[in-house]
Amino acid sequence: MENIAQLHRRALEETRSVVAGIDRAQWADATPCQGWDVQTLLNHLVSGSLWAAELGSGRTIEEVGDRLDGDVLGDDALAAYDTSAEAAAATFEVPGALDAPCAVSYGPVPGSVYAGHRFIDVLIHGWDLATATGQDATLDPELVDAAYSLLQDQADMVRASGMFGEDILVSAGVGPQTQLLAFIGRKG
C-alpha cells in the first residue's frame, strides 16, 4: 500500500476533478452533509487543506488564530482548491512530516494520523460534492480500500470524533464503496 502522504495526494487529485465540474449556480445546492450546501462544503475542503499545511508544518491552532476563518474560496474556487491542495499535499511529503506531532484540535497526533484523517475527509467530501452536483460519484477502488482499512483501524477514534454519522447497516455482498460510505453514515 502507498504511504498515507501519497494516498492523501491522490484523494486531493480525485476530488479536484469534482471541484472542476461544479458550476457556481450549484453553490446553494444541498449536500449529503446535513446543513451544508455546496459552497460551505467547498469552503470546508479548501480551509481544511490550508489548516493541514499550517498544522502539518508544526504551527499550533493558537498561532494560526482566526486567519483561516470565513470565506477562503474568493472569486475562483478551483484556483483556491488547487493552491490549498498543493500546500497540504506538499506538507505531508516533507521528510519527517509523517512522524512529527501535529497540534490538532483532538490532541497532538503524529503527522501520519492527521494525514490519514485529511485523506478520508477529502475522499468522502469529494463523493459528497459529486453526489450533490450530479457528477459521477464512483471513487477510486484503491482509495476506497485504503480509507476503509484506515477507518476500521481507528474506529473508536472515528466514532468519538463525531465527524461522521452513525454506521448504516447494509446487506452482505455490497461493494466496498457502499461499505465505506455506510460506515460513516452515508447512503451510497
Protein backbone atom coordinates (compact mmCIF):
# COMPACT_ATOMS: atom_id res chain seq x y z
CA MET A 1 0.00 0.00 0.00
CA GLU A 2 1.14 3.53 -0.70
CA ASN A 3 2.10 5.67 2.24
CA ILE A 4 -0.53 7.99 3.64
CA ALA A 5 1.01 11.10 2.09
CA GLN A 6 0.65 9.54 -1.37
CA LEU A 7 -2.94 8.45 -0.66
CA HIS A 8 -3.75 11.95 0.56
CA ARG A 9 -2.36 13.49 -2.63
CA ARG A 10 -4.34 11.03 -4.79
CA ALA A 11 -7.57 11.86 -2.92
CA LEU A 12 -6.91 15.57 -3.45
CA GLU A 13 -6.37 14.95 -7.17
CA GLU A 14 -9.52 12.85 -7.47
CA THR A 15 -11.62 15.43 -5.66
CA ARG A 16 -10.14 18.19 -7.82
CA SER A 17 -11.91 16.74 -10.87
CA VAL A 18 -15.21 17.03 -8.99
CA VAL A 19 -14.47 20.60 -7.89
CA ALA A 20 -13.64 21.48 -11.51
CA GLY A 21 -17.08 20.22 -12.55
CA ILE A 22 -19.04 22.40 -10.14
CA ASP A 23 -20.91 25.34 -11.59
CA ARG A 24 -21.25 28.40 -9.37
CA ALA A 25 -25.03 28.14 -9.87
CA GLN A 26 -24.84 24.89 -7.82
CA TRP A 27 -23.30 26.51 -4.74
CA ALA A 28 -26.60 26.71 -2.88
CA ASP A 29 -27.48 23.06 -3.59
CA ALA A 30 -27.76 20.72 -0.62
CA THR A 31 -25.09 18.08 0.01
CA PRO A 32 -25.20 14.77 1.91
CA CYS A 33 -23.59 16.69 4.81
CA GLN A 34 -26.63 17.78 6.77
CA GLY A 35 -26.94 21.56 6.88
CA TRP A 36 -24.11 22.18 4.40
CA ASP A 37 -24.59 23.42 0.86
CA VAL A 38 -22.03 23.01 -1.93
CA GLN A 39 -20.34 26.36 -1.21
CA THR A 40 -19.98 25.55 2.50
CA LEU A 41 -18.51 22.14 1.72
CA LEU A 42 -16.12 23.58 -0.87
CA ASN A 43 -15.01 26.18 1.66
CA HIS A 44 -14.52 23.42 4.25
CA LEU A 45 -12.28 21.44 1.88
CA VAL A 46 -10.13 24.45 0.99
CA SER A 47 -9.94 25.62 4.59
CA GLY A 48 -9.09 22.09 5.75
CA SER A 49 -6.19 21.90 3.33
CA LEU A 50 -4.94 25.30 4.44
CA TRP A 51 -5.14 24.16 8.06
CA ALA A 52 -3.30 20.94 7.17
CA ALA A 53 -0.47 22.95 5.64
CA GLU A 54 -0.21 25.05 8.80
CA LEU A 55 -0.58 22.33 11.45
CA GLY A 56 1.42 19.79 9.45
CA SER A 57 4.27 22.31 9.40
CA GLY A 58 4.33 22.49 13.18
CA ARG A 59 2.16 25.52 13.88
CA THR A 60 -0.46 25.43 16.58
CA ILE A 61 -4.13 26.37 16.38
CA GLU A 62 -3.36 29.42 18.51
CA GLU A 63 -0.60 30.53 16.12
CA VAL A 64 -2.95 30.28 13.12
CA GLY A 65 -5.73 32.02 15.04
CA ASP A 66 -8.73 33.12 13.00
CA ARG A 67 -6.74 33.77 9.82
CA LEU A 68 -8.47 30.87 8.00
CA ASP A 69 -12.00 31.63 9.20
CA GLY A 70 -14.71 32.74 6.78
CA ASP A 71 -14.63 32.59 3.01
CA VAL A 72 -11.40 31.13 1.62
CA LEU A 73 -12.79 30.49 -1.88
CA GLY A 74 -12.68 34.02 -3.24
CA ASP A 75 -13.74 34.51 -6.84
CA ASP A 76 -12.17 31.29 -8.15
CA ALA A 77 -13.00 28.19 -6.11
CA LEU A 78 -10.94 25.90 -8.34
CA ALA A 79 -7.82 28.08 -8.01
CA ALA A 80 -8.33 28.23 -4.23
CA TYR A 81 -8.73 24.44 -4.15
CA ASP A 82 -5.60 23.91 -6.26
CA THR A 83 -3.45 26.22 -4.14
CA SER A 84 -4.62 24.76 -0.84
CA ALA A 85 -4.44 21.15 -2.06
CA GLU A 86 -0.86 21.52 -3.24
CA ALA A 87 0.15 23.16 0.04
CA ALA A 88 -1.44 20.38 2.10
CA ALA A 89 -0.05 17.57 -0.05
CA ALA A 90 3.45 19.02 -0.05
CA THR A 91 3.38 19.47 3.74
CA PHE A 92 2.87 15.76 4.40
CA GLU A 93 5.52 14.83 1.81
CA VAL A 94 8.32 16.66 3.60
CA PRO A 95 10.79 14.14 5.06
CA GLY A 96 9.86 13.51 8.69
CA ALA A 97 6.43 15.16 8.46
CA LEU A 98 4.55 11.90 8.99
CA ASP A 99 6.40 11.33 12.26
CA ALA A 100 6.23 14.90 13.57
CA PRO A 101 3.49 15.81 16.06
CA CYS A 102 0.59 17.90 14.78
CA ALA A 103 -1.28 20.03 17.33
CA VAL A 104 -4.79 19.38 16.03
CA SER A 105 -7.99 20.09 17.96
CA TYR A 106 -8.24 16.47 19.15
CA GLY A 107 -4.80 16.49 20.69
CA PRO A 108 -1.30 16.19 19.35
CA VAL A 109 -1.11 13.30 16.90
CA PRO A 110 1.62 12.12 14.54
CA GLY A 111 1.55 13.65 11.08
CA SER A 112 0.65 10.23 9.67
CA VAL A 113 -2.57 10.15 11.71
CA TYR A 114 -3.51 13.70 10.70
CA ALA A 115 -2.70 12.97 7.04
CA GLY A 116 -4.93 9.89 7.29
CA HIS A 117 -7.81 11.92 8.61
CA ARG A 118 -7.32 14.52 5.87
CA PHE A 119 -7.21 11.72 3.28
CA ILE A 120 -10.56 10.38 4.45
CA ASP A 121 -12.09 13.86 4.72
CA VAL A 122 -11.06 14.82 1.19
CA LEU A 123 -12.11 11.50 -0.33
CA ILE A 124 -15.54 11.41 1.31
CA HIS A 125 -16.28 15.07 0.71
CA GLY A 126 -15.33 14.56 -2.95
CA TRP A 127 -18.08 11.95 -3.05
CA ASP A 128 -20.44 14.35 -1.24
CA LEU A 129 -19.79 17.08 -3.80
CA ALA A 130 -20.12 14.72 -6.76
CA THR A 131 -23.42 13.44 -5.40
CA ALA A 132 -24.72 16.95 -4.71
CA THR A 133 -23.82 18.25 -8.17
CA GLY A 134 -24.91 15.25 -10.25
CA GLN A 135 -21.42 14.12 -11.19
CA ASP A 136 -20.06 10.57 -11.31
CA ALA A 137 -19.62 9.66 -7.64
CA THR A 138 -17.61 6.49 -8.23
CA LEU A 139 -14.49 6.59 -6.08
CA ASP A 140 -11.13 5.05 -6.97
CA PRO A 141 -11.34 1.46 -5.63
CA GLU A 142 -7.78 1.56 -4.26
CA LEU A 143 -8.56 4.74 -2.32
CA VAL A 144 -11.81 3.21 -1.06
CA ASP A 145 -9.98 0.13 0.22
CA ALA A 146 -7.29 2.24 1.90
CA ALA A 147 -9.85 4.57 3.52
CA TYR A 148 -11.99 1.70 4.78
CA SER A 149 -8.96 -0.06 6.22
CA LEU A 150 -7.83 3.11 7.95
CA LEU A 151 -11.30 3.74 9.35
CA GLN A 152 -11.51 0.17 10.65
CA ASP A 153 -8.12 0.53 12.36
CA GLN A 154 -9.22 3.76 14.05
CA ALA A 155 -12.92 3.01 14.52
CA ASP A 156 -13.02 4.10 18.17
CA MET A 157 -11.31 7.43 17.43
CA VAL A 158 -13.55 8.00 14.40
CA ARG A 159 -16.71 7.31 16.39
CA ALA A 160 -15.57 9.52 19.28
CA SER A 161 -14.75 12.43 16.96
CA GLY A 162 -18.37 13.00 15.97
CA MET A 163 -17.15 13.92 12.47
CA PHE A 164 -19.19 11.21 10.78
CA GLY A 165 -22.70 9.84 11.04
CA GLU A 166 -23.74 6.58 12.58
CA ASP A 167 -22.87 3.34 10.82
CA ILE A 168 -25.66 2.32 8.43
CA LEU A 169 -26.36 -1.39 8.16
CA VAL A 170 -26.02 -2.74 4.64
CA SER A 171 -26.72 -6.17 3.26
CA ALA A 172 -23.97 -8.70 2.78
CA GLY A 173 -22.33 -8.60 -0.60
CA VAL A 174 -22.49 -4.85 -1.21
CA GLY A 175 -19.43 -3.33 -2.82
CA PRO A 176 -16.51 -1.75 -0.96
CA GLN A 177 -17.59 1.83 -1.76
CA THR A 178 -21.04 1.21 -0.30
CA GLN A 179 -19.45 -0.39 2.79
CA LEU A 180 -17.15 2.60 3.27
CA LEU A 181 -19.96 5.11 2.88
CA ALA A 182 -22.26 3.16 5.21
CA PHE A 183 -19.54 3.00 7.87
CA ILE A 184 -19.51 6.80 8.06
CA GLY A 185 -23.26 7.25 7.79
CA ARG A 186 -23.67 7.88 4.07
CA LYS A 187 -26.09 6.08 1.79
CA GLY A 188 -24.26 5.26 -1.39
